């Protein structure tokens, strides 16, 4: 949801300026292509899911081994990186605060081999 808001704001910024229309359309297409190639618009985990301390993400009756969890932007979201490089995003406000904090603690323990 927020990702599309960023896309819409970028498009609006290009269209609302005094920049000519044709170059604006070219810039918009170029930006969308880059965002798609770089996977900046990640799929969002929207179904109920469970993340185990062994590094398995269970969502929609599918299990996926998670190689790493990117916590760089944990204030807003975390990114799960699966076995084949498949990335999924979990927004902080998509689950209860306590559950999100437990997820962060569990991942830090798993990362640093703490028990």
PDB file of N, CA and C in Angstrom:
ATOM      1  N   UNK A   1       0.823  -1.185   0.000  1.00  0.00           N
ATOM      2  CA  UNK A   1       0.000   0.000   0.000  1.00  0.00           C
ATOM      3  C   UNK A   1       0.877   1.263   0.000  1.00  0.00           C
ATOM      4  N   UNK A   2       1.827   1.295   0.909  1.00  0.00           N
ATOM      5  CA  UNK A   2       2.713   2.453   1.003  1.00  0.00           C
ATOM      6  C   UNK A   2       3.598   2.545  -0.237  1.00  0.00           C
ATOM      7  N   UNK A   3       3.992   1.376  -0.754  1.00  0.00           N
ATOM      8  CA  UNK A   3       4.830   1.366  -1.949  1.00  0.00           C
ATOM      9  C   UNK A   3       4.108   2.036  -3.111  1.00  0.00           C
ATOM     10  N   UNK A   4       2.836   1.724  -3.273  1.00  0.00           N
ATOM     11  CA  UNK A   4       2.085   2.329  -4.378  1.00  0.00           C
ATOM     12  C   UNK A   4       1.860   3.815  -4.142  1.00  0.00           C
ATOM     13  N   UNK A   5       1.772   4.216  -2.883  1.00  0.00           N
ATOM     14  CA  UNK A   5       1.665   5.640  -2.576  1.00  0.00           C
ATOM     15  C   UNK A   5       2.931   6.368  -3.022  1.00  0.00           C
ATOM     16  N   UNK A   6       4.088   5.757  -2.784  1.00  0.00           N
ATOM     17  CA  UNK A   6       5.351   6.356  -3.224  1.00  0.00           C
ATOM     18  C   UNK A   6       5.395   6.456  -4.740  1.00  0.00           C
ATOM     19  N   UNK A   7       4.956   5.400  -5.419  1.00  0.00           N
ATOM     20  CA  UNK A   7       4.910   5.414  -6.886  1.00  0.00           C
ATOM     21  C   UNK A   7       3.983   6.520  -7.374  1.00  0.00           C
ATOM     22  N   UNK A   8       2.803   6.616  -6.779  1.00  0.00           N
ATOM     23  CA  UNK A   8       1.844   7.639  -7.190  1.00  0.00           C
ATOM     24  C   UNK A   8       2.382   9.040  -6.939  1.00  0.00           C
ATOM     25  N   UNK A   9       3.037   9.250  -5.810  1.00  0.00           N
ATOM     26  CA  UNK A   9       3.604  10.571  -5.524  1.00  0.00           C
ATOM     27  C   UNK A   9       4.709  10.922  -6.513  1.00  0.00           C
ATOM     28  N   UNK A  10       5.517   9.935  -6.882  1.00  0.00           N
ATOM     29  CA  UNK A  10       6.574  10.183  -7.871  1.00  0.00           C
ATOM     30  C   UNK A  10       5.981  10.558  -9.218  1.00  0.00           C
ATOM     31  N   UNK A  11       4.962   9.833  -9.626  1.00  0.00           N
ATOM     32  CA  UNK A  11       4.297  10.133 -10.899  1.00  0.00           C
ATOM     33  C   UNK A  11       3.641  11.505 -10.838  1.00  0.00           C
ATOM     34  N   UNK A  12       2.971  11.794  -9.743  1.00  0.00           N
ATOM     35  CA  UNK A  12       2.324  13.097  -9.589  1.00  0.00           C
ATOM     36  C   UNK A  12       3.358  14.220  -9.654  1.00  0.00           C
ATOM     37  N   UNK A  13       4.523  14.013  -9.008  1.00  0.00           N
ATOM     38  CA  UNK A  13       5.565  15.042  -9.020  1.00  0.00           C
ATOM     39  C   UNK A  13       6.059  15.307 -10.435  1.00  0.00           C
ATOM     40  N   UNK A  14       6.198  14.264 -11.240  1.00  0.00           N
ATOM     41  CA  UNK A  14       6.644  14.451 -12.623  1.00  0.00           C
ATOM     42  C   UNK A  14       5.585  15.138 -13.475  1.00  0.00           C
ATOM     43  N   UNK A  15       4.341  14.770 -13.271  1.00  0.00           N
ATOM     44  CA  UNK A  15       3.271  15.326 -14.106  1.00  0.00           C
ATOM     45  C   UNK A  15       2.946  16.766 -13.729  1.00  0.00           C
ATOM     46  N   UNK A  16       3.012  17.090 -12.438  1.00  0.00           N
ATOM     47  CA  UNK A  16       2.581  18.418 -11.997  1.00  0.00           C
ATOM     48  C   UNK A  16       3.635  19.509 -12.211  1.00  0.00           C
ATOM     49  N   UNK A  17       4.846  19.142 -12.560  1.00  0.00           N
ATOM     50  CA  UNK A  17       5.876  20.155 -12.796  1.00  0.00           C
ATOM     51  C   UNK A  17       5.729  20.736 -14.199  1.00  0.00           C
ATOM     52  N   UNK A  18       6.558  21.698 -14.508  1.00  0.00           N
ATOM     53  CA  UNK A  18       6.542  22.319 -15.833  1.00  0.00           C
ATOM     54  C   UNK A  18       7.317  21.504 -16.863  1.00  0.00           C
ATOM     55  N   UNK A  19       7.709  20.328 -16.487  1.00  0.00           N
ATOM     56  CA  UNK A  19       8.439  19.434 -17.383  1.00  0.00           C
ATOM     57  C   UNK A  19       7.513  19.020 -18.531  1.00  0.00           C
ATOM     58  N   UNK A  20       7.980  18.984 -19.775  1.00  0.00           N
ATOM     59  CA  UNK A  20       7.120  18.606 -20.908  1.00  0.00           C
ATOM     60  C   UNK A  20       6.520  17.206 -20.735  1.00  0.00           C
ATOM     61  N   UNK A  21       5.357  17.007 -21.306  1.00  0.00           N
ATOM     62  CA  UNK A  21       4.589  15.781 -21.091  1.00  0.00           C
ATOM     63  C   UNK A  21       5.291  14.530 -21.629  1.00  0.00           C
ATOM     64  N   UNK A  22       5.802  14.580 -22.839  1.00  0.00           N
ATOM     65  CA  UNK A  22       6.425  13.396 -23.441  1.00  0.00           C
ATOM     66  C   UNK A  22       7.646  12.937 -22.635  1.00  0.00           C
ATOM     67  N   UNK A  23       8.581  13.832 -22.283  1.00  0.00           N
ATOM     68  CA  UNK A  23       9.690  13.380 -21.429  1.00  0.00           C
ATOM     69  C   UNK A  23       9.209  12.885 -20.059  1.00  0.00           C
ATOM     70  N   UNK A  24       8.116  13.471 -19.545  1.00  0.00           N
ATOM     71  CA  UNK A  24       7.561  13.005 -18.272  1.00  0.00           C
ATOM     72  C   UNK A  24       7.102  11.561 -18.383  1.00  0.00           C
ATOM     73  N   UNK A  25       6.410  11.241 -19.463  1.00  0.00           N
ATOM     74  CA  UNK A  25       5.931   9.871 -19.666  1.00  0.00           C
ATOM     75  C   UNK A  25       7.111   8.914 -19.809  1.00  0.00           C
ATOM     76  N   UNK A  26       8.136   9.341 -20.523  1.00  0.00           N
ATOM     77  CA  UNK A  26       9.335   8.506 -20.674  1.00  0.00           C
ATOM     78  C   UNK A  26       9.990   8.277 -19.313  1.00  0.00           C
ATOM     79  N   UNK A  27      10.093   9.319 -18.495  1.00  0.00           N
ATOM     80  CA  UNK A  27      10.679   9.184 -17.154  1.00  0.00           C
ATOM     81  C   UNK A  27       9.849   8.252 -16.274  1.00  0.00           C
ATOM     82  N   UNK A  28       8.533   8.366 -16.358  1.00  0.00           N
ATOM     83  CA  UNK A  28       7.652   7.506 -15.569  1.00  0.00           C
ATOM     84  C   UNK A  28       7.852   6.046 -15.962  1.00  0.00           C
ATOM     85  N   UNK A  29       7.876   5.764 -17.252  1.00  0.00           N
ATOM     86  CA  UNK A  29       8.090   4.386 -17.720  1.00  0.00           C
ATOM     87  C   UNK A  29       9.458   3.869 -17.291  1.00  0.00           C
ATOM     88  N   UNK A  30      10.457   4.720 -17.388  1.00  0.00           N
ATOM     89  CA  UNK A  30      11.807   4.342 -16.988  1.00  0.00           C
ATOM     90  C   UNK A  30      11.863   4.020 -15.491  1.00  0.00           C
ATOM     91  N   UNK A  31      11.232   4.873 -14.650  1.00  0.00           N
ATOM     92  CA  UNK A  31      11.211   4.633 -13.207  1.00  0.00           C
ATOM     93  C   UNK A  31      10.479   3.347 -12.859  1.00  0.00           C
ATOM     94  N   UNK A  32       9.327   3.122 -13.483  1.00  0.00           N
ATOM     95  CA  UNK A  32       8.576   1.897 -13.215  1.00  0.00           C
ATOM     96  C   UNK A  32       9.382   0.665 -13.612  1.00  0.00           C
ATOM     97  N   UNK A  33      10.095   0.751 -14.716  1.00  0.00           N
ATOM     98  CA  UNK A  33      10.926  -0.363 -15.157  1.00  0.00           C
ATOM     99  C   UNK A  33      12.052  -0.637 -14.157  1.00  0.00           C
ATOM    100  N   UNK A  34      12.702   0.404 -13.685  1.00  0.00           N
ATOM    101  CA  UNK A  34      13.781   0.236 -12.698  1.00  0.00           C
ATOM    102  C   UNK A  34      13.232  -0.350 -11.404  1.00  0.00           C
ATOM    103  N   UNK A  35      12.104   0.178 -10.929  1.00  0.00           N
ATOM    104  CA  UNK A  35      11.513  -0.340  -9.697  1.00  0.00           C
ATOM    105  C   UNK A  35      11.155  -1.811  -9.849  1.00  0.00           C
ATOM    106  N   UNK A  36      10.679  -2.196 -11.014  1.00  0.00           N
ATOM    107  CA  UNK A  36      10.317  -3.591 -11.245  1.00  0.00           C
ATOM    108  C   UNK A  36      11.567  -4.475 -11.315  1.00  0.00           C
ATOM    109  N   UNK A  37      12.590  -4.039 -12.035  1.00  0.00           N
ATOM    110  CA  UNK A  37      13.821  -4.829 -12.177  1.00  0.00           C
ATOM    111  C   UNK A  37      14.567  -4.969 -10.856  1.00  0.00           C
ATOM    112  N   UNK A  38      14.615  -3.919 -10.086  1.00  0.00           N
ATOM    113  CA  UNK A  38      15.338  -3.940  -8.818  1.00  0.00           C
ATOM    114  C   UNK A  38      14.510  -4.532  -7.682  1.00  0.00           C
ATOM    115  N   UNK A  39      13.292  -4.924  -7.983  1.00  0.00           N
ATOM    116  CA  UNK A  39      12.372  -5.510  -6.998  1.00  0.00           C
ATOM    117  C   UNK A  39      12.145  -4.574  -5.814  1.00  0.00           C
ATOM    118  N   UNK A  40      12.017  -3.298  -6.119  1.00  0.00           N
ATOM    119  CA  UNK A  40      11.724  -2.346  -5.052  1.00  0.00           C
ATOM    120  C   UNK A  40      10.273  -2.441  -4.621  1.00  0.00           C
ATOM    121  N   UNK A  41       9.433  -2.908  -5.514  1.00  0.00           N
ATOM    122  CA  UNK A  41       8.031  -3.108  -5.176  1.00  0.00           C
ATOM    123  C   UNK A  41       7.856  -4.577  -4.797  1.00  0.00           C
ATOM    124  N   UNK A  42       8.103  -4.886  -3.547  1.00  0.00           N
ATOM    125  CA  UNK A  42       8.093  -6.266  -3.072  1.00  0.00           C
ATOM    126  C   UNK A  42       6.685  -6.741  -2.766  1.00  0.00           C
ATOM    127  N   UNK A  43       6.449  -8.044  -2.919  1.00  0.00           N
ATOM    128  CA  UNK A  43       5.161  -8.575  -2.486  1.00  0.00           C
ATOM    129  C   UNK A  43       5.054  -8.478  -0.965  1.00  0.00           C
ATOM    130  N   UNK A  44       3.869  -8.195  -0.504  1.00  0.00           N
ATOM    131  CA  UNK A  44       3.628  -7.995   0.922  1.00  0.00           C
ATOM    132  C   UNK A  44       2.951  -9.235   1.485  1.00  0.00           C
ATOM    133  N   UNK A  45       3.366  -9.646   2.669  1.00  0.00           N
ATOM    134  CA  UNK A  45       2.714 -10.764   3.343  1.00  0.00           C
ATOM    135  C   UNK A  45       1.400 -10.240   3.899  1.00  0.00           C
ATOM    136  N   UNK A  46       0.304 -10.720   3.351  1.00  0.00           N
ATOM    137  CA  UNK A  46      -1.000 -10.224   3.790  1.00  0.00           C
ATOM    138  C   UNK A  46      -1.836 -11.309   4.455  1.00  0.00           C
ATOM    139  N   UNK A  47      -1.490 -12.565   4.240  1.00  0.00           N
ATOM    140  CA  UNK A  47      -2.225 -13.668   4.855  1.00  0.00           C
ATOM    141  C   UNK A  47      -1.652 -13.949   6.245  1.00  0.00           C
ATOM    142  N   UNK A  48      -2.441 -14.576   7.107  1.00  0.00           N
ATOM    143  CA  UNK A  48      -1.887 -14.965   8.405  1.00  0.00           C
ATOM    144  C   UNK A  48      -0.674 -15.869   8.202  1.00  0.00           C
ATOM    145  N   UNK A  49       0.371 -15.616   8.955  1.00  0.00           N
ATOM    146  CA  UNK A  49       1.602 -16.388   8.782  1.00  0.00           C
ATOM    147  C   UNK A  49       2.227 -16.672  10.138  1.00  0.00           C
ATOM    148  N   UNK A  50       3.188 -17.586  10.107  1.00  0.00           N
ATOM    149  CA  UNK A  50       3.922 -17.941  11.317  1.00  0.00           C
ATOM    150  C   UNK A  50       5.390 -18.073  10.950  1.00  0.00           C
ATOM    151  N   UNK A  51       6.251 -17.508  11.765  1.00  0.00           N
ATOM    152  CA  UNK A  51       7.699 -17.585  11.556  1.00  0.00           C
ATOM    153  C   UNK A  51       8.284 -18.354  12.727  1.00  0.00           C
ATOM    154  N   UNK A  52       8.966 -19.455  12.443  1.00  0.00           N
ATOM    155  CA  UNK A  52       9.491 -20.298  13.510  1.00  0.00           C
ATOM    156  C   UNK A  52      10.938 -19.936  13.827  1.00  0.00           C
ATOM    157  N   UNK A  53      11.393 -20.401  14.981  1.00  0.00           N
ATOM    158  CA  UNK A  53      12.771 -20.106  15.381  1.00  0.00           C
ATOM    159  C   UNK A  53      13.798 -20.889  14.568  1.00  0.00           C
ATOM    160  N   UNK A  54      13.347 -21.828  13.742  1.00  0.00           N
ATOM    161  CA  UNK A  54      14.258 -22.558  12.857  1.00  0.00           C
ATOM    162  C   UNK A  54      14.403 -21.872  11.507  1.00  0.00           C
ATOM    163  N   UNK A  55      13.689 -20.774  11.306  1.00  0.00           N
ATOM    164  CA  UNK A  55      13.818 -20.018  10.064  1.00  0.00           C
ATOM    165  C   UNK A  55      12.834 -20.413   8.991  1.00  0.00           C
ATOM    166  N   UNK A  56      11.693 -20.954   9.383  1.00  0.00           N
ATOM    167  CA  UNK A  56      10.655 -21.327   8.418  1.00  0.00           C
ATOM    168  C   UNK A  56       9.523 -20.300   8.482  1.00  0.00           C
ATOM    169  N   UNK A  57       9.081 -19.860   7.318  1.00  0.00           N
ATOM    170  CA  UNK A  57       7.931 -18.967   7.219  1.00  0.00           C
ATOM    171  C   UNK A  57       6.776 -19.785   6.660  1.00  0.00           C
ATOM    172  N   UNK A  58       5.700 -19.875   7.420  1.00  0.00           N
ATOM    173  CA  UNK A  58       4.534 -20.649   7.014  1.00  0.00           C
ATOM    174  C   UNK A  58       3.408 -19.665   6.750  1.00  0.00           C
ATOM    175  N   UNK A  59       2.989 -19.603   5.486  1.00  0.00           N
ATOM    176  CA  UNK A  59       1.911 -18.693   5.083  1.00  0.00           C
ATOM    177  C   UNK A  59       1.127 -19.341   3.950  1.00  0.00           C
ATOM    178  N   UNK A  60      -0.178 -19.233   3.996  1.00  0.00           N
ATOM    179  CA  UNK A  60      -1.047 -19.804   2.959  1.00  0.00           C
ATOM    180  C   UNK A  60      -0.774 -21.291   2.744  1.00  0.00           C
ATOM    181  N   UNK A  61      -0.590 -22.044   3.823  1.00  0.00           N
ATOM    182  CA  UNK A  61      -0.343 -23.489   3.783  1.00  0.00           C
ATOM    183  C   UNK A  61       0.924 -23.840   3.004  1.00  0.00           C
ATOM    184  N   UNK A  62       1.847 -22.908   2.873  1.00  0.00           N
ATOM    185  CA  UNK A  62       3.125 -23.154   2.207  1.00  0.00           C
ATOM    186  C   UNK A  62       4.251 -22.853   3.183  1.00  0.00           C
ATOM    187  N   UNK A  63       5.253 -23.711   3.162  1.00  0.00           N
ATOM    188  CA  UNK A  63       6.431 -23.484   3.992  1.00  0.00           C
ATOM    189  C   UNK A  63       7.567 -22.988   3.116  1.00  0.00           C
ATOM    190  N   UNK A  64       8.296 -22.049   3.648  1.00  0.00           N
ATOM    191  CA  UNK A  64       9.432 -21.505   2.914  1.00  0.00           C
ATOM    192  C   UNK A  64      10.585 -21.316   3.887  1.00  0.00           C
ATOM    193  N   UNK A  65      11.742 -21.846   3.540  1.00  0.00           N
ATOM    194  CA  UNK A  65      12.921 -21.640   4.380  1.00  0.00           C
ATOM    195  C   UNK A  65      13.448 -20.236   4.121  1.00  0.00           C
ATOM    196  N   UNK A  66      13.671 -19.512   5.196  1.00  0.00           N
ATOM    197  CA  UNK A  66      14.160 -18.141   5.109  1.00  0.00           C
ATOM    198  C   UNK A  66      15.664 -18.146   5.345  1.00  0.00           C
ATOM    199  N   UNK A  67      16.403 -17.617   4.380  1.00  0.00           N
ATOM    200  CA  UNK A  67      17.861 -17.543   4.517  1.00  0.00           C
ATOM    201  C   UNK A  67      18.275 -16.415   5.443  1.00  0.00           C
ATOM    202  N   UNK A  68      17.619 -15.282   5.284  1.00  0.00           N
ATOM    203  CA  UNK A  68      17.941 -14.156   6.166  1.00  0.00           C
ATOM    204  C   UNK A  68      16.739 -13.221   6.244  1.00  0.00           C
ATOM    205  N   UNK A  69      16.747 -12.423   7.285  1.00  0.00           N
ATOM    206  CA  UNK A  69      15.719 -11.404   7.475  1.00  0.00           C
ATOM    207  C   UNK A  69      16.441 -10.071   7.548  1.00  0.00           C
ATOM    208  N   UNK A  70      16.073  -9.164   6.661  1.00  0.00           N
ATOM    209  CA  UNK A  70      16.700  -7.845   6.645  1.00  0.00           C
ATOM    210  C   UNK A  70      15.992  -6.953   7.659  1.00  0.00           C
ATOM    211  N   UNK A  71      16.755  -6.493   8.638  1.00  0.00           N
ATOM    212  CA  UNK A  71      16.203  -5.693   9.729  1.00  0.00           C
ATOM    213  C   UNK A  71      16.615  -4.228   9.649  1.00  0.00           C
ATOM    214  N   UNK A  72      17.176  -3.815   8.534  1.00  0.00           N
ATOM    215  CA  UNK A  72      17.674  -2.444   8.406  1.00  0.00           C
ATOM    216  C   UNK A  72      16.590  -1.407   8.647  1.00  0.00           C
ATOM    217  N   UNK A  73      15.382  -1.711   8.219  1.00  0.00           N
ATOM    218  CA  UNK A  73      14.273  -0.772   8.366  1.00  0.00           C
ATOM    219  C   UNK A  73      13.209  -1.351   9.289  1.00  0.00           C
ATOM    220  N   UNK A  74      13.650  -2.042  10.338  1.00  0.00           N
ATOM    221  CA  UNK A  74      12.725  -2.724  11.243  1.00  0.00           C
ATOM    222  C   UNK A  74      11.763  -1.768  11.933  1.00  0.00           C
ATOM    223  N   UNK A  75      12.074  -0.497  11.942  1.00  0.00           N
ATOM    224  CA  UNK A  75      11.149   0.487  12.509  1.00  0.00           C
ATOM    225  C   UNK A  75       9.844   0.478  11.724  1.00  0.00           C
ATOM    226  N   UNK A  76       9.935   0.223  10.400  1.00  0.00           N
ATOM    227  CA  UNK A  76       8.756   0.237   9.541  1.00  0.00           C
ATOM    228  C   UNK A  76       8.367  -1.143   9.023  1.00  0.00           C
ATOM    229  N   UNK A  77       9.361  -1.942   8.631  1.00  0.00           N
ATOM    230  CA  UNK A  77       9.069  -3.252   8.038  1.00  0.00           C
ATOM    231  C   UNK A  77      10.297  -4.149   8.120  1.00  0.00           C
ATOM    232  N   UNK A  78      10.086  -5.447   7.902  1.00  0.00           N
ATOM    233  CA  UNK A  78      11.185  -6.402   7.747  1.00  0.00           C
ATOM    234  C   UNK A  78      11.008  -7.087   6.399  1.00  0.00           C
ATOM    235  N   UNK A  79      12.115  -7.540   5.844  1.00  0.00           N
ATOM    236  CA  UNK A  79      12.086  -8.234   4.557  1.00  0.00           C
ATOM    237  C   UNK A  79      12.616  -9.645   4.777  1.00  0.00           C
ATOM    238  N   UNK A  80      11.795 -10.630   4.431  1.00  0.00           N
ATOM    239  CA  UNK A  80      12.198 -12.028   4.493  1.00  0.00           C
ATOM    240  C   UNK A  80      12.796 -12.404   3.147  1.00  0.00           C
ATOM    241  N   UNK A  81      14.003 -12.963   3.159  1.00  0.00           N
ATOM    242  CA  UNK A  81      14.662 -13.415   1.930  1.00  0.00           C
ATOM    243  C   UNK A  81      14.691 -14.937   1.969  1.00  0.00           C
ATOM    244  N   UNK A  82      13.989 -15.557   1.021  1.00  0.00           N
ATOM    245  CA  UNK A  82      13.858 -17.009   0.984  1.00  0.00           C
ATOM    246  C   UNK A  82      15.018 -17.699   0.300  1.00  0.00           C
ATOM    247  N   UNK A  83      14.862 -19.009   0.129  1.00  0.00           N
ATOM    248  CA  UNK A  83      15.921 -19.856  -0.429  1.00  0.00           C
ATOM    249  C   UNK A  83      16.385 -19.408  -1.807  1.00  0.00           C
ATOM    250  N   UNK A  84      15.489 -19.092  -2.664  1.00  0.00           N
ATOM    251  CA  UNK A  84      15.841 -18.757  -4.045  1.00  0.00           C
ATOM    252  C   UNK A  84      15.878 -17.248  -4.282  1.00  0.00           C
ATOM    253  N   UNK A  85      16.095 -16.491  -3.214  1.00  0.00           N
ATOM    254  CA  UNK A  85      16.164 -15.045  -3.341  1.00  0.00           C
ATOM    255  C   UNK A  85      14.805 -14.367  -3.357  1.00  0.00           C
ATOM    256  N   UNK A  86      13.743 -15.141  -3.167  1.00  0.00           N
ATOM    257  CA  UNK A  86      12.401 -14.555  -3.144  1.00  0.00           C
ATOM    258  C   UNK A  86      12.266 -13.690  -1.896  1.00  0.00           C
ATOM    259  N   UNK A  87      11.889 -12.444  -2.112  1.00  0.00           N
ATOM    260  CA  UNK A  87      11.776 -11.496  -1.009  1.00  0.00           C
ATOM    261  C   UNK A  87      10.316 -11.139  -0.774  1.00  0.00           C
ATOM    262  N   UNK A  88       9.955 -11.066   0.509  1.00  0.00           N
ATOM    263  CA  UNK A  88       8.611 -10.664   0.915  1.00  0.00           C
ATOM    264  C   UNK A  88       8.736  -9.672   2.054  1.00  0.00           C
ATOM    265  N   UNK A  89       7.809  -8.744   2.089  1.00  0.00           N
ATOM    266  CA  UNK A  89       7.862  -7.678   3.077  1.00  0.00           C
ATOM    267  C   UNK A  89       6.735  -7.850   4.092  1.00  0.00           C
ATOM    268  N   UNK A  90       7.056  -7.613   5.355  1.00  0.00           N
ATOM    269  CA  UNK A  90       6.061  -7.608   6.421  1.00  0.00           C
ATOM    270  C   UNK A  90       6.089  -6.232   7.070  1.00  0.00           C
ATOM    271  N   UNK A  91       4.996  -5.490   6.927  1.00  0.00           N
ATOM    272  CA  UNK A  91       4.900  -4.160   7.519  1.00  0.00           C
ATOM    273  C   UNK A  91       4.634  -4.279   9.010  1.00  0.00           C
ATOM    274  N   UNK A  92       5.193  -3.380   9.768  1.00  0.00           N
ATOM    275  CA  UNK A  92       5.052  -3.400  11.219  1.00  0.00           C
ATOM    276  C   UNK A  92       3.591  -3.308  11.651  1.00  0.00           C
ATOM    277  N   UNK A  93       2.813  -2.509  10.974  1.00  0.00           N
ATOM    278  CA  UNK A  93       1.426  -2.317  11.390  1.00  0.00           C
ATOM    279  C   UNK A  93       0.485  -3.413  10.880  1.00  0.00           C
ATOM    280  N   UNK A  94       1.023  -4.438  10.216  1.00  0.00           N
ATOM    281  CA  UNK A  94       0.160  -5.511   9.727  1.00  0.00           C
ATOM    282  C   UNK A  94      -0.026  -6.620  10.761  1.00  0.00           C
ATOM    283  N   UNK A  95       0.633  -6.496  11.912  1.00  0.00           N
ATOM    284  CA  UNK A  95       0.428  -7.465  12.988  1.00  0.00           C
ATOM    285  C   UNK A  95       0.469  -6.727  14.327  1.00  0.00           C
ATOM    286  N   UNK A  96       0.162  -7.461  15.380  1.00  0.00           N
ATOM    287  CA  UNK A  96       0.162  -6.837  16.702  1.00  0.00           C
ATOM    288  C   UNK A  96       1.581  -6.409  17.080  1.00  0.00           C
ATOM    289  N   UNK A  97       1.681  -5.351  17.861  1.00  0.00           N
ATOM    290  CA  UNK A  97       2.987  -4.810  18.262  1.00  0.00           C
ATOM    291  C   UNK A  97       3.816  -5.854  19.005  1.00  0.00           C
ATOM    292  N   UNK A  98       3.193  -6.577  19.915  1.00  0.00           N
ATOM    293  CA  UNK A  98       3.906  -7.593  20.687  1.00  0.00           C
ATOM    294  C   UNK A  98       4.431  -8.707  19.772  1.00  0.00           C
ATOM    295  N   UNK A  99       3.642  -9.118  18.810  1.00  0.00           N
ATOM    296  CA  UNK A  99       4.058 -10.164  17.872  1.00  0.00           C
ATOM    297  C   UNK A  99       5.230  -9.692  17.026  1.00  0.00           C
ATOM    298  N   UNK A 100       5.173  -8.453  16.576  1.00  0.00           N
ATOM    299  CA  UNK A 100       6.257  -7.899  15.754  1.00  0.00           C
ATOM    300  C   UNK A 100       7.558  -7.840  16.552  1.00  0.00           C
ATOM    301  N   UNK A 101       7.472  -7.428  17.813  1.00  0.00           N
ATOM    302  CA  UNK A 101       8.671  -7.359  18.657  1.00  0.00           C
ATOM    303  C   UNK A 101       9.247  -8.754  18.918  1.00  0.00           C
ATOM    304  N   UNK A 102       8.356  -9.730  19.135  1.00  0.00           N
ATOM    305  CA  UNK A 102       8.826 -11.101  19.330  1.00  0.00           C
ATOM    306  C   UNK A 102       9.544 -11.609  18.086  1.00  0.00           C
ATOM    307  N   UNK A 103       9.033 -11.249  16.921  1.00  0.00           N
ATOM    308  CA  UNK A 103       9.673 -11.628  15.663  1.00  0.00           C
ATOM    309  C   UNK A 103      11.087 -11.053  15.580  1.00  0.00           C
ATOM    310  N   UNK A 104      11.242  -9.786  15.935  1.00  0.00           N
ATOM    311  CA  UNK A 104      12.562  -9.149  15.892  1.00  0.00           C
ATOM    312  C   UNK A 104      13.532  -9.802  16.870  1.00  0.00           C
ATOM    313  N   UNK A 105      13.056 -10.075  18.084  1.00  0.00           N
ATOM    314  CA  UNK A 105      13.914 -10.709  19.091  1.00  0.00           C
ATOM    315  C   UNK A 105      14.306 -12.113  18.641  1.00  0.00           C
ATOM    316  N   UNK A 106      13.337 -12.871  18.127  1.00  0.00           N
ATOM    317  CA  UNK A 106      13.620 -14.227  17.663  1.00  0.00           C
ATOM    318  C   UNK A 106      14.646 -14.221  16.535  1.00  0.00           C
ATOM    319  N   UNK A 107      14.518 -13.295  15.618  1.00  0.00           N
ATOM    320  CA  UNK A 107      15.461 -13.240  14.498  1.00  0.00           C
ATOM    321  C   UNK A 107      16.855 -12.823  14.964  1.00  0.00           C
ATOM    322  N   UNK A 108      16.932 -11.893  15.901  1.00  0.00           N
ATOM    323  CA  UNK A 108      18.250 -11.499  16.419  1.00  0.00           C
ATOM    324  C   UNK A 108      18.907 -12.646  17.176  1.00  0.00           C
ATOM    325  N   UNK A 109      18.118 -13.414  17.914  1.00  0.00           N
ATOM    326  CA  UNK A 109      18.665 -14.589  18.598  1.00  0.00           C
ATOM    327  C   UNK A 109      19.157 -15.620  17.588  1.00  0.00           C
ATOM    328  N   UNK A 110      18.378 -15.835  16.548  1.00  0.00           N
ATOM    329  CA  UNK A 110      18.766 -16.803  15.518  1.00  0.00           C
ATOM    330  C   UNK A 110      20.030 -16.329  14.795  1.00  0.00           C
ATOM    331  N   UNK A 111      20.099 -15.040  14.530  1.00  0.00           N
ATOM    332  CA  UNK A 111      21.243 -14.473  13.805  1.00  0.00           C
ATOM    333  C   UNK A 111      22.535 -14.590  14.604  1.00  0.00           C
ATOM    334  N   UNK A 112      22.458 -14.348  15.908  1.00  0.00           N
ATOM    335  CA  UNK A 112      23.660 -14.346  16.742  1.00  0.00           C
ATOM    336  C   UNK A 112      23.793 -15.618  17.579  1.00  0.00           C
ATOM    337  N   UNK A 113      22.996 -16.633  17.270  1.00  0.00           N
ATOM    338  CA  UNK A 113      23.044 -17.946  17.928  1.00  0.00           C
ATOM    339  C   UNK A 113      22.877 -17.832  19.438  1.00  0.00           C
ATOM    340  N   UNK A 114      21.975 -16.989  19.867  1.00  0.00           N
ATOM    341  CA  UNK A 114      21.695 -16.838  21.293  1.00  0.00           C
ATOM    342  C   UNK A 114      20.494 -17.698  21.651  1.00  0.00           C
ATOM    343  N   UNK A 115      20.431 -18.140  22.847  1.00  0.00           N
ATOM    344  CA  UNK A 115      19.271 -18.916  23.314  1.00  0.00           C
ATOM    345  C   UNK A 115      18.759 -18.336  24.566  1.00  0.00           C
TER     346      UNK A 115
END
